[in-house]
Amino acid sequence: MKKIISFTMLCFLLAGSFLSTRVSAQAYTNDDLKTIMSNDWVRAKTYTADYLNTMPADKYSFKATDSVRSFAQQMLHLATANVFLMATATDQQPLPWASFDLEKRTTAQTKDSVMYYVTASYDYCLNGVKNSDPTKWKDKVTLFGFETTKYGLLQKVFEHQTHHRGQTTIYIRLTGIKPPEERLF
């Protein structure tokens, strides 16, 4: 009988926990979502800067294999995509330097240049989120033949930068350096 009572109590606790989570999730306002997203972009900027600072300047041209981008090119691709995708999601004017040939420009591949472009791209994304109108986040956009909402694209921008920063973890490890610790919060 004790087991049945304990099991029943556990079920009530779990149900209550799920119900309270659902109620609080419904209480999120557009401003709450903007704050959460802004905080994530601040964290991502700091985390990526850790990566940029961890890789020595003389290793920015390092490639894991000949058929992939160098460390600098990965980060410049991240920066350009941040601006291009965020411009599409928020209707901002893209930054003048943000073109997909940036990663091929040899003058852009120094540590100082990469730091500049990547940092500017994160500032652009953060500004885009803070100044966007969340009532338009449900609007549809088509990009590369795929249709999504502006909110969906905001999520894709964040996912894309995470993907490319993650790829550079291997570059850092292959040069014999320990990559930065993960920043979940």
C-alpha atoms as a PDB file:
ATOM      1  CA  MET A   1       0.000   0.000   0.000  1.00  0.00           C
ATOM      2  CA  LYS A   2       2.916   2.378   0.802  1.00  0.00           C
ATOM      3  CA  LYS A   3       4.259   1.830  -2.725  1.00  0.00           C
ATOM      4  CA  ILE A   4       0.913   2.773  -4.274  1.00  0.00           C
ATOM      5  CA  ILE A   5       0.673   5.934  -2.171  1.00  0.00           C
ATOM      6  CA  SER A   6       4.283   6.860  -2.967  1.00  0.00           C
ATOM      7  CA  PHE A   7       3.723   6.235  -6.660  1.00  0.00           C
ATOM      8  CA  THR A   8       0.522   8.299  -6.638  1.00  0.00           C
ATOM      9  CA  MET A   9       2.282  11.170  -4.855  1.00  0.00           C
ATOM     10  CA  LEU A  10       5.108  11.032  -7.382  1.00  0.00           C
ATOM     11  CA  CYS A  11       2.598  11.186 -10.249  1.00  0.00           C
ATOM     12  CA  PHE A  12       0.911  14.236  -8.698  1.00  0.00           C
ATOM     13  CA  LEU A  13       4.258  15.968  -8.207  1.00  0.00           C
ATOM     14  CA  LEU A  14       5.323  15.301 -11.784  1.00  0.00           C
ATOM     15  CA  ALA A  15       1.965  16.396 -13.182  1.00  0.00           C
ATOM     16  CA  GLY A  16       2.123  19.578 -11.108  1.00  0.00           C
ATOM     17  CA  SER A  17       5.630  20.261 -12.290  1.00  0.00           C
ATOM     18  CA  PHE A  18       4.649  19.852 -15.952  1.00  0.00           C
ATOM     19  CA  LEU A  19       1.555  21.984 -15.489  1.00  0.00           C
ATOM     20  CA  SER A  20       3.465  24.808 -13.818  1.00  0.00           C
ATOM     21  CA  THR A  21       6.071  24.730 -16.591  1.00  0.00           C
ATOM     22  CA  ARG A  22       3.345  24.969 -19.207  1.00  0.00           C
ATOM     23  CA  VAL A  23       1.633  27.865 -17.460  1.00  0.00           C
ATOM     24  CA  SER A  24       4.866  29.838 -17.055  1.00  0.00           C
ATOM     25  CA  ALA A  25       5.869  29.198 -20.668  1.00  0.00           C
ATOM     26  CA  GLN A  26       2.587  30.696 -21.806  1.00  0.00           C
ATOM     27  CA  ALA A  27       3.265  33.790 -19.735  1.00  0.00           C
ATOM     28  CA  TYR A  28       6.321  34.798 -21.804  1.00  0.00           C
ATOM     29  CA  THR A  29       5.933  38.163 -23.460  1.00  0.00           C
ATOM     30  CA  ASN A  30       7.660  39.353 -26.623  1.00  0.00           C
ATOM     31  CA  ASP A  31       9.998  41.382 -24.430  1.00  0.00           C
ATOM     32  CA  ASP A  32      10.862  38.236 -22.455  1.00  0.00           C
ATOM     33  CA  LEU A  33      11.772  36.444 -25.692  1.00  0.00           C
ATOM     34  CA  LYS A  34      13.888  39.383 -26.869  1.00  0.00           C
ATOM     35  CA  THR A  35      15.711  39.430 -23.513  1.00  0.00           C
ATOM     36  CA  ILE A  36      16.395  35.693 -23.620  1.00  0.00           C
ATOM     37  CA  MET A  37      17.594  35.895 -27.210  1.00  0.00           C
ATOM     38  CA  SER A  38      19.735  38.983 -26.490  1.00  0.00           C
ATOM     39  CA  ASN A  39      21.364  37.261 -23.524  1.00  0.00           C
ATOM     40  CA  ASP A  40      22.163  34.249 -25.721  1.00  0.00           C
ATOM     41  CA  TRP A  41      23.818  36.502 -28.305  1.00  0.00           C
ATOM     42  CA  VAL A  42      25.917  38.223 -25.617  1.00  0.00           C
ATOM     43  CA  ARG A  43      27.019  34.805 -24.332  1.00  0.00           C
ATOM     44  CA  ALA A  44      27.769  33.572 -27.872  1.00  0.00           C
ATOM     45  CA  LYS A  45      29.859  36.678 -28.593  1.00  0.00           C
ATOM     46  CA  THR A  46      31.913  36.158 -25.445  1.00  0.00           C
ATOM     47  CA  TYR A  47      32.311  32.445 -26.147  1.00  0.00           C
ATOM     48  CA  THR A  48      33.445  33.060 -29.723  1.00  0.00           C
ATOM     49  CA  ALA A  49      35.882  35.743 -28.547  1.00  0.00           C
ATOM     50  CA  ASP A  50      37.347  33.105 -26.215  1.00  0.00           C
ATOM     51  CA  TYR A  51      37.929  30.913 -29.268  1.00  0.00           C
ATOM     52  CA  LEU A  52      39.480  33.752 -31.244  1.00  0.00           C
ATOM     53  CA  ASN A  53      41.792  34.598 -28.363  1.00  0.00           C
ATOM     54  CA  THR A  54      42.725  30.953 -27.723  1.00  0.00           C
ATOM     55  CA  MET A  55      44.029  30.393 -31.254  1.00  0.00           C
ATOM     56  CA  PRO A  56      47.496  31.950 -31.642  1.00  0.00           C
ATOM     57  CA  ALA A  57      47.787  34.589 -34.384  1.00  0.00           C
ATOM     58  CA  ASP A  58      50.269  32.457 -36.326  1.00  0.00           C
ATOM     59  CA  LYS A  59      47.730  29.581 -36.458  1.00  0.00           C
ATOM     60  CA  TYR A  60      44.830  31.497 -38.040  1.00  0.00           C
ATOM     61  CA  SER A  61      45.765  30.014 -41.430  1.00  0.00           C
ATOM     62  CA  PHE A  62      45.661  26.464 -40.009  1.00  0.00           C
ATOM     63  CA  LYS A  63      43.465  23.965 -41.858  1.00  0.00           C
ATOM     64  CA  ALA A  64      42.480  20.562 -40.513  1.00  0.00           C
ATOM     65  CA  THR A  65      42.847  19.247 -44.092  1.00  0.00           C
ATOM     66  CA  ASP A  66      43.485  20.950 -47.421  1.00  0.00           C
ATOM     67  CA  SER A  67      39.849  20.631 -48.506  1.00  0.00           C
ATOM     68  CA  VAL A  68      38.357  22.747 -45.687  1.00  0.00           C
ATOM     69  CA  ARG A  69      38.421  26.380 -44.633  1.00  0.00           C
ATOM     70  CA  SER A  70      41.218  27.675 -42.437  1.00  0.00           C
ATOM     71  CA  PHE A  71      40.442  28.757 -38.886  1.00  0.00           C
ATOM     72  CA  ALA A  72      40.280  32.392 -40.059  1.00  0.00           C
ATOM     73  CA  GLN A  73      38.034  31.474 -43.001  1.00  0.00           C
ATOM     74  CA  GLN A  74      35.642  29.564 -40.718  1.00  0.00           C
ATOM     75  CA  MET A  75      35.308  32.571 -38.458  1.00  0.00           C
ATOM     76  CA  LEU A  76      34.949  35.006 -41.366  1.00  0.00           C
ATOM     77  CA  HIS A  77      32.246  32.777 -42.836  1.00  0.00           C
ATOM     78  CA  LEU A  78      30.509  32.836 -39.439  1.00  0.00           C
ATOM     79  CA  ALA A  79      30.688  36.657 -39.403  1.00  0.00           C
ATOM     80  CA  THR A  80      29.337  37.083 -42.921  1.00  0.00           C
ATOM     81  CA  ALA A  81      26.516  34.614 -42.369  1.00  0.00           C
ATOM     82  CA  ASN A  82      25.606  36.274 -39.067  1.00  0.00           C
ATOM     83  CA  VAL A  83      25.064  39.551 -40.900  1.00  0.00           C
ATOM     84  CA  PHE A  84      23.387  38.109 -44.003  1.00  0.00           C
ATOM     85  CA  LEU A  85      20.928  35.901 -42.120  1.00  0.00           C
ATOM     86  CA  MET A  86      20.162  38.474 -39.420  1.00  0.00           C
ATOM     87  CA  ALA A  87      19.550  41.153 -42.060  1.00  0.00           C
ATOM     88  CA  THR A  88      16.995  38.865 -43.670  1.00  0.00           C
ATOM     89  CA  ALA A  89      15.321  38.083 -40.333  1.00  0.00           C
ATOM     90  CA  THR A  90      15.175  41.663 -39.047  1.00  0.00           C
ATOM     91  CA  ASP A  91      15.048  43.818 -42.199  1.00  0.00           C
ATOM     92  CA  GLN A  92      18.247  45.652 -41.187  1.00  0.00           C
ATOM     93  CA  GLN A  93      20.647  46.928 -43.798  1.00  0.00           C
ATOM     94  CA  PRO A  94      23.620  44.536 -43.944  1.00  0.00           C
ATOM     95  CA  LEU A  95      27.048  45.823 -42.998  1.00  0.00           C
ATOM     96  CA  PRO A  96      29.015  46.985 -46.064  1.00  0.00           C
ATOM     97  CA  TRP A  97      31.842  44.463 -45.639  1.00  0.00           C
ATOM     98  CA  ALA A  98      29.554  41.448 -45.267  1.00  0.00           C
ATOM     99  CA  SER A  99      29.952  39.558 -48.524  1.00  0.00           C
ATOM    100  CA  PHE A 100      30.730  35.901 -48.959  1.00  0.00           C
ATOM    101  CA  ASP A 101      34.083  36.700 -50.569  1.00  0.00           C
ATOM    102  CA  LEU A 102      35.315  38.108 -47.230  1.00  0.00           C
ATOM    103  CA  GLU A 103      36.723  34.726 -46.199  1.00  0.00           C
ATOM    104  CA  LYS A 104      38.841  34.657 -49.381  1.00  0.00           C
ATOM    105  CA  ARG A 105      40.393  38.103 -48.843  1.00  0.00           C
ATOM    106  CA  THR A 106      43.916  37.569 -47.548  1.00  0.00           C
ATOM    107  CA  THR A 107      43.911  40.968 -45.831  1.00  0.00           C
ATOM    108  CA  ALA A 108      40.901  39.896 -43.749  1.00  0.00           C
ATOM    109  CA  GLN A 109      42.553  36.756 -42.373  1.00  0.00           C
ATOM    110  CA  THR A 110      44.868  38.231 -39.758  1.00  0.00           C
ATOM    111  CA  LYS A 111      43.885  37.745 -36.133  1.00  0.00           C
ATOM    112  CA  ASP A 112      43.093  41.448 -35.668  1.00  0.00           C
ATOM    113  CA  SER A 113      40.919  41.555 -38.791  1.00  0.00           C
ATOM    114  CA  VAL A 114      39.055  38.368 -37.926  1.00  0.00           C
ATOM    115  CA  MET A 115      38.446  39.677 -34.388  1.00  0.00           C
ATOM    116  CA  TYR A 116      37.064  42.914 -35.848  1.00  0.00           C
ATOM    117  CA  TYR A 117      34.680  41.271 -38.331  1.00  0.00           C
ATOM    118  CA  VAL A 118      33.453  38.593 -35.959  1.00  0.00           C
ATOM    119  CA  THR A 119      32.884  41.040 -33.105  1.00  0.00           C
ATOM    120  CA  ALA A 120      31.096  43.464 -35.429  1.00  0.00           C
ATOM    121  CA  SER A 121      28.857  40.644 -36.663  1.00  0.00           C
ATOM    122  CA  TYR A 122      27.840  39.731 -33.105  1.00  0.00           C
ATOM    123  CA  ASP A 123      27.139  43.382 -32.299  1.00  0.00           C
ATOM    124  CA  TYR A 124      25.012  43.536 -35.464  1.00  0.00           C
ATOM    125  CA  CYS A 125      23.054  40.430 -34.426  1.00  0.00           C
ATOM    126  CA  LEU A 126      22.523  41.708 -30.908  1.00  0.00           C
ATOM    127  CA  ASN A 127      21.363  45.065 -32.249  1.00  0.00           C
ATOM    128  CA  GLY A 128      19.059  43.274 -34.691  1.00  0.00           C
ATOM    129  CA  VAL A 129      17.380  41.272 -31.950  1.00  0.00           C
ATOM    130  CA  LYS A 130      17.068  44.230 -29.574  1.00  0.00           C
ATOM    131  CA  ASN A 131      15.587  46.511 -32.230  1.00  0.00           C
ATOM    132  CA  SER A 132      13.401  44.034 -34.076  1.00  0.00           C
ATOM    133  CA  ASP A 133       9.643  44.011 -33.786  1.00  0.00           C
ATOM    134  CA  PRO A 134       8.564  40.664 -32.316  1.00  0.00           C
ATOM    135  CA  THR A 135       5.082  41.101 -33.760  1.00  0.00           C
ATOM    136  CA  LYS A 136       6.735  40.537 -37.161  1.00  0.00           C
ATOM    137  CA  TRP A 137       8.509  37.354 -36.049  1.00  0.00           C
ATOM    138  CA  LYS A 138       5.564  35.321 -37.360  1.00  0.00           C
ATOM    139  CA  ASP A 139       6.006  36.770 -40.871  1.00  0.00           C
ATOM    140  CA  LYS A 140       7.140  34.260 -43.489  1.00  0.00           C
ATOM    141  CA  VAL A 141      10.481  34.533 -45.278  1.00  0.00           C
ATOM    142  CA  THR A 142      11.944  32.357 -48.008  1.00  0.00           C
ATOM    143  CA  LEU A 143      15.684  31.793 -48.080  1.00  0.00           C
ATOM    144  CA  PHE A 144      17.582  29.324 -50.248  1.00  0.00           C
ATOM    145  CA  GLY A 145      14.249  27.849 -51.351  1.00  0.00           C
ATOM    146  CA  PHE A 146      13.090  27.177 -47.787  1.00  0.00           C
ATOM    147  CA  GLU A 147      10.189  28.949 -46.142  1.00  0.00           C
ATOM    148  CA  THR A 148      10.214  29.750 -42.440  1.00  0.00           C
ATOM    149  CA  THR A 149       9.158  32.530 -40.121  1.00  0.00           C
ATOM    150  CA  LYS A 150      11.410  35.395 -39.143  1.00  0.00           C
ATOM    151  CA  TYR A 151      11.582  33.825 -35.680  1.00  0.00           C
ATOM    152  CA  GLY A 152      12.604  30.534 -37.273  1.00  0.00           C
ATOM    153  CA  LEU A 153      15.348  32.346 -39.169  1.00  0.00           C
ATOM    154  CA  LEU A 154      16.519  34.048 -35.966  1.00  0.00           C
ATOM    155  CA  GLN A 155      16.944  30.554 -34.534  1.00  0.00           C
ATOM    156  CA  LYS A 156      18.834  29.419 -37.667  1.00  0.00           C
ATOM    157  CA  VAL A 157      21.262  32.347 -37.393  1.00  0.00           C
ATOM    158  CA  PHE A 158      22.100  31.313 -33.860  1.00  0.00           C
ATOM    159  CA  GLU A 159      22.388  27.652 -34.830  1.00  0.00           C
ATOM    160  CA  HIS A 160      24.701  28.510 -37.744  1.00  0.00           C
ATOM    161  CA  GLN A 161      27.202  30.474 -35.656  1.00  0.00           C
ATOM    162  CA  THR A 162      27.215  27.712 -33.054  1.00  0.00           C
ATOM    163  CA  HIS A 163      27.920  25.138 -35.768  1.00  0.00           C
ATOM    164  CA  HIS A 164      30.920  27.005 -37.196  1.00  0.00           C
ATOM    165  CA  ARG A 165      32.374  27.906 -33.809  1.00  0.00           C
ATOM    166  CA  GLY A 166      32.040  24.218 -32.914  1.00  0.00           C
ATOM    167  CA  GLN A 167      33.927  23.212 -36.043  1.00  0.00           C
ATOM    168  CA  THR A 168      36.882  25.312 -34.944  1.00  0.00           C
ATOM    169  CA  THR A 169      37.160  23.279 -31.742  1.00  0.00           C
ATOM    170  CA  ILE A 170      38.927  20.610 -33.803  1.00  0.00           C
ATOM    171  CA  TYR A 171      41.268  23.190 -35.327  1.00  0.00           C
ATOM    172  CA  ILE A 172      42.308  24.361 -31.865  1.00  0.00           C
ATOM    173  CA  ARG A 173      42.772  20.786 -30.618  1.00  0.00           C
ATOM    174  CA  LEU A 174      44.834  19.820 -33.690  1.00  0.00           C
ATOM    175  CA  THR A 175      47.262  22.642 -32.889  1.00  0.00           C
ATOM    176  CA  GLY A 176      47.752  21.109 -29.441  1.00  0.00           C
ATOM    177  CA  ILE A 177      45.742  23.689 -27.529  1.00  0.00           C
ATOM    178  CA  LYS A 178      42.836  23.069 -25.177  1.00  0.00           C
ATOM    179  CA  PRO A 179      39.696  24.866 -26.450  1.00  0.00           C
ATOM    180  CA  PRO A 180      37.690  27.158 -24.166  1.00  0.00           C
ATOM    181  CA  GLU A 181      35.252  25.614 -21.718  1.00  0.00           C
ATOM    182  CA  GLU A 182      31.612  25.563 -22.772  1.00  0.00           C
ATOM    183  CA  ARG A 183      29.473  28.560 -21.842  1.00  0.00           C
ATOM    184  CA  LEU A 184      25.910  27.419 -21.261  1.00  0.00           C
ATOM    185  CA  PHE A 185      25.047  30.405 -19.094  1.00  0.00           C
END
